[in-house]
Amino acid sequence: MTDREATVIVEKRRDELQIDPEMACESAERAIVAHKENPDEPGPTEDRVAWLVTYACEWGTVTVYVDDASGEVLRVRRSA
């Protein structure tokens, strides 16, 4: 998957992922991330290659983690 493909996945799900219309895509970087199927429960984690697609505006950021192999959204991280 390319950075553009990862960004398109997020754009198609923008409303579902609750990304504010004021936010613009700032970057898409590939990284190895720790992934846990259910982050609220104890259990194993696995390393996944994911695209971190970051949207930003003056009041905050949203980073969407997109699995490089499957296109699955692994998690969404918000910060103000």
N, C-alpha and C. Protein backbone atom coordinates (compact mmCIF):
# COMPACT_ATOMS: atom_id res chain seq x y z
N MET A 1 0.84 -1.16 0.00
CA MET A 1 0.00 0.00 0.00
C MET A 1 0.90 1.24 0.00
N THR A 2 0.43 2.28 -0.65
CA THR A 2 1.16 3.54 -0.66
C THR A 2 0.52 4.52 0.32
N ASP A 3 1.21 5.63 0.56
CA ASP A 3 0.64 6.65 1.44
C ASP A 3 -0.66 7.20 0.86
N ARG A 4 -0.72 7.33 -0.45
CA ARG A 4 -1.94 7.83 -1.10
C ARG A 4 -3.10 6.86 -0.91
N GLU A 5 -2.86 5.56 -1.05
CA GLU A 5 -3.91 4.56 -0.85
C GLU A 5 -4.43 4.59 0.59
N ALA A 6 -3.52 4.73 1.55
CA ALA A 6 -3.94 4.80 2.95
C ALA A 6 -4.79 6.05 3.19
N THR A 7 -4.40 7.16 2.59
CA THR A 7 -5.16 8.39 2.75
C THR A 7 -6.55 8.27 2.14
N VAL A 8 -6.66 7.61 1.00
CA VAL A 8 -7.96 7.41 0.35
C VAL A 8 -8.87 6.56 1.25
N ILE A 9 -8.33 5.54 1.90
CA ILE A 9 -9.11 4.71 2.82
C ILE A 9 -9.70 5.58 3.92
N VAL A 10 -8.88 6.45 4.49
CA VAL A 10 -9.36 7.32 5.57
C VAL A 10 -10.39 8.31 5.03
N GLU A 11 -10.11 8.90 3.88
CA GLU A 11 -11.05 9.88 3.30
C GLU A 11 -12.44 9.26 3.07
N LYS A 12 -12.47 8.03 2.58
CA LYS A 12 -13.74 7.36 2.33
C LYS A 12 -14.53 7.12 3.61
N ARG A 13 -13.83 7.01 4.73
CA ARG A 13 -14.48 6.73 6.02
C ARG A 13 -14.46 7.94 6.95
N ARG A 14 -14.17 9.10 6.40
CA ARG A 14 -13.99 10.32 7.20
C ARG A 14 -15.16 10.59 8.14
N ASP A 15 -16.39 10.53 7.64
CA ASP A 15 -17.56 10.77 8.50
C ASP A 15 -17.66 9.72 9.60
N GLU A 16 -17.51 8.47 9.21
CA GLU A 16 -17.60 7.35 10.17
C GLU A 16 -16.54 7.48 11.27
N LEU A 17 -15.35 7.97 10.90
CA LEU A 17 -14.25 8.12 11.85
C LEU A 17 -14.33 9.44 12.62
N GLN A 18 -15.34 10.23 12.32
CA GLN A 18 -15.59 11.50 13.00
C GLN A 18 -14.40 12.46 12.90
N ILE A 19 -13.93 12.64 11.66
CA ILE A 19 -12.86 13.60 11.41
C ILE A 19 -13.53 14.90 10.96
N ASP A 20 -13.31 15.94 11.72
CA ASP A 20 -13.94 17.23 11.47
C ASP A 20 -13.64 17.72 10.05
N PRO A 21 -14.63 18.29 9.36
CA PRO A 21 -14.41 18.80 8.00
C PRO A 21 -13.35 19.90 7.91
N GLU A 22 -13.10 20.60 9.03
CA GLU A 22 -12.07 21.65 9.03
C GLU A 22 -10.65 21.08 8.99
N MET A 23 -10.50 19.81 9.33
CA MET A 23 -9.17 19.21 9.40
C MET A 23 -8.67 18.85 8.01
N ALA A 24 -7.38 19.12 7.79
CA ALA A 24 -6.73 18.79 6.53
C ALA A 24 -5.69 17.70 6.78
N CYS A 25 -5.47 16.86 5.79
CA CYS A 25 -4.45 15.81 5.90
C CYS A 25 -3.08 16.47 5.92
N GLU A 26 -2.34 16.22 6.98
CA GLU A 26 -1.00 16.80 7.15
C GLU A 26 0.11 15.84 6.74
N SER A 27 -0.09 14.53 6.99
CA SER A 27 0.97 13.59 6.67
C SER A 27 0.44 12.16 6.67
N ALA A 28 1.23 11.29 6.05
CA ALA A 28 0.97 9.85 6.09
C ALA A 28 2.34 9.18 6.16
N GLU A 29 2.61 8.53 7.27
CA GLU A 29 3.90 7.89 7.50
C GLU A 29 3.71 6.43 7.83
N ARG A 30 4.57 5.59 7.31
CA ARG A 30 4.51 4.16 7.61
C ARG A 30 5.39 3.88 8.82
N ALA A 31 4.85 3.06 9.73
CA ALA A 31 5.57 2.74 10.97
C ALA A 31 5.16 1.35 11.46
N ILE A 32 5.98 0.80 12.33
CA ILE A 32 5.64 -0.44 13.02
C ILE A 32 4.97 -0.04 14.32
N VAL A 33 3.75 -0.56 14.55
CA VAL A 33 2.99 -0.21 15.74
C VAL A 33 2.59 -1.48 16.49
N ALA A 34 2.45 -1.35 17.80
CA ALA A 34 1.94 -2.45 18.61
C ALA A 34 0.42 -2.45 18.50
N HIS A 35 -0.15 -3.60 18.17
CA HIS A 35 -1.60 -3.70 18.01
C HIS A 35 -2.14 -4.79 18.93
N LYS A 36 -3.24 -4.46 19.57
CA LYS A 36 -3.93 -5.40 20.45
C LYS A 36 -5.37 -5.46 19.98
N GLU A 37 -5.89 -6.64 19.74
CA GLU A 37 -7.24 -6.80 19.21
C GLU A 37 -8.27 -6.07 20.05
N ASN A 38 -8.19 -6.22 21.37
CA ASN A 38 -9.10 -5.50 22.26
C ASN A 38 -8.23 -4.76 23.28
N PRO A 39 -7.99 -3.47 23.05
CA PRO A 39 -7.05 -2.75 23.90
C PRO A 39 -7.50 -2.60 25.36
N ASP A 40 -8.77 -2.83 25.66
CA ASP A 40 -9.26 -2.70 27.03
C ASP A 40 -9.13 -3.99 27.83
N GLU A 41 -8.75 -5.06 27.18
CA GLU A 41 -8.63 -6.37 27.83
C GLU A 41 -7.18 -6.82 27.87
N PRO A 42 -6.80 -7.63 28.86
CA PRO A 42 -5.45 -8.19 28.86
C PRO A 42 -5.30 -9.14 27.67
N GLY A 43 -4.11 -9.26 27.20
CA GLY A 43 -3.86 -10.18 26.10
C GLY A 43 -2.64 -9.77 25.31
N PRO A 44 -2.29 -10.60 24.36
CA PRO A 44 -1.06 -10.36 23.60
C PRO A 44 -1.18 -9.17 22.64
N THR A 45 -0.04 -8.60 22.35
CA THR A 45 0.04 -7.57 21.32
C THR A 45 0.91 -8.11 20.19
N GLU A 46 0.71 -7.56 19.02
CA GLU A 46 1.54 -7.95 17.89
C GLU A 46 2.00 -6.71 17.16
N ASP A 47 3.18 -6.78 16.55
CA ASP A 47 3.68 -5.68 15.76
C ASP A 47 3.02 -5.72 14.40
N ARG A 48 2.54 -4.57 13.93
CA ARG A 48 1.91 -4.44 12.62
C ARG A 48 2.56 -3.27 11.89
N VAL A 49 2.68 -3.39 10.60
CA VAL A 49 3.11 -2.26 9.78
C VAL A 49 1.84 -1.49 9.44
N ALA A 50 1.83 -0.20 9.74
CA ALA A 50 0.64 0.61 9.53
C ALA A 50 1.02 1.98 9.00
N TRP A 51 0.06 2.58 8.32
CA TRP A 51 0.18 3.97 7.90
C TRP A 51 -0.48 4.83 8.98
N LEU A 52 0.22 5.84 9.43
CA LEU A 52 -0.32 6.80 10.38
C LEU A 52 -0.71 8.04 9.59
N VAL A 53 -2.00 8.16 9.33
CA VAL A 53 -2.52 9.27 8.52
C VAL A 53 -3.02 10.32 9.50
N THR A 54 -2.39 11.51 9.46
CA THR A 54 -2.67 12.55 10.44
C THR A 54 -3.38 13.73 9.80
N TYR A 55 -4.49 14.11 10.44
CA TYR A 55 -5.26 15.29 10.06
C TYR A 55 -5.11 16.32 11.17
N ALA A 56 -5.09 17.60 10.79
CA ALA A 56 -4.89 18.64 11.80
C ALA A 56 -5.62 19.92 11.42
N CYS A 57 -5.90 20.69 12.46
CA CYS A 57 -6.37 22.06 12.30
C CYS A 57 -5.87 22.81 13.52
N GLU A 58 -6.24 24.06 13.67
CA GLU A 58 -5.67 24.87 14.74
C GLU A 58 -6.01 24.37 16.14
N TRP A 59 -7.07 23.57 16.29
CA TRP A 59 -7.45 23.14 17.64
C TRP A 59 -7.13 21.69 17.96
N GLY A 60 -6.54 20.93 17.03
CA GLY A 60 -6.18 19.56 17.39
C GLY A 60 -5.77 18.70 16.21
N THR A 61 -5.50 17.43 16.52
CA THR A 61 -5.11 16.46 15.49
C THR A 61 -5.86 15.15 15.68
N VAL A 62 -5.97 14.43 14.58
CA VAL A 62 -6.51 13.07 14.59
C VAL A 62 -5.54 12.23 13.77
N THR A 63 -5.08 11.12 14.35
CA THR A 63 -4.21 10.20 13.62
C THR A 63 -4.93 8.87 13.50
N VAL A 64 -5.05 8.39 12.25
CA VAL A 64 -5.71 7.12 11.97
C VAL A 64 -4.64 6.12 11.59
N TYR A 65 -4.64 4.97 12.27
CA TYR A 65 -3.69 3.90 12.00
C TYR A 65 -4.33 2.91 11.03
N VAL A 66 -3.76 2.79 9.83
CA VAL A 66 -4.30 1.92 8.79
C VAL A 66 -3.31 0.79 8.52
N ASP A 67 -3.76 -0.46 8.70
CA ASP A 67 -2.90 -1.61 8.47
C ASP A 67 -2.41 -1.62 7.03
N ASP A 68 -1.10 -1.75 6.84
CA ASP A 68 -0.48 -1.68 5.51
C ASP A 68 -0.92 -2.84 4.61
N ALA A 69 -1.12 -4.01 5.17
CA ALA A 69 -1.45 -5.19 4.36
C ALA A 69 -2.93 -5.28 4.03
N SER A 70 -3.79 -4.99 5.00
CA SER A 70 -5.22 -5.24 4.81
C SER A 70 -6.07 -3.99 4.60
N GLY A 71 -5.55 -2.82 4.98
CA GLY A 71 -6.34 -1.59 4.90
C GLY A 71 -7.28 -1.40 6.07
N GLU A 72 -7.21 -2.30 7.05
CA GLU A 72 -8.06 -2.21 8.25
C GLU A 72 -7.64 -1.00 9.09
N VAL A 73 -8.63 -0.27 9.60
CA VAL A 73 -8.33 0.81 10.54
C VAL A 73 -8.09 0.16 11.90
N LEU A 74 -6.88 0.31 12.41
CA LEU A 74 -6.50 -0.33 13.67
C LEU A 74 -6.93 0.49 14.88
N ARG A 75 -6.78 1.82 14.78
CA ARG A 75 -7.22 2.70 15.86
C ARG A 75 -7.19 4.14 15.38
N VAL A 76 -7.83 4.98 16.19
CA VAL A 76 -7.87 6.42 15.93
C VAL A 76 -7.42 7.11 17.21
N ARG A 77 -6.45 8.00 17.07
CA ARG A 77 -5.93 8.74 18.23
C ARG A 77 -6.23 10.22 18.03
N ARG A 78 -6.84 10.84 19.03
CA ARG A 78 -7.20 12.26 18.97
C ARG A 78 -6.43 13.03 20.02
N SER A 79 -6.01 14.25 19.68
CA SER A 79 -5.38 15.11 20.67
C SER A 79 -5.77 16.56 20.43
N ALA A 80 -5.86 17.28 21.51
CA ALA A 80 -6.26 18.70 21.42
C ALA A 80 -5.07 19.58 21.54
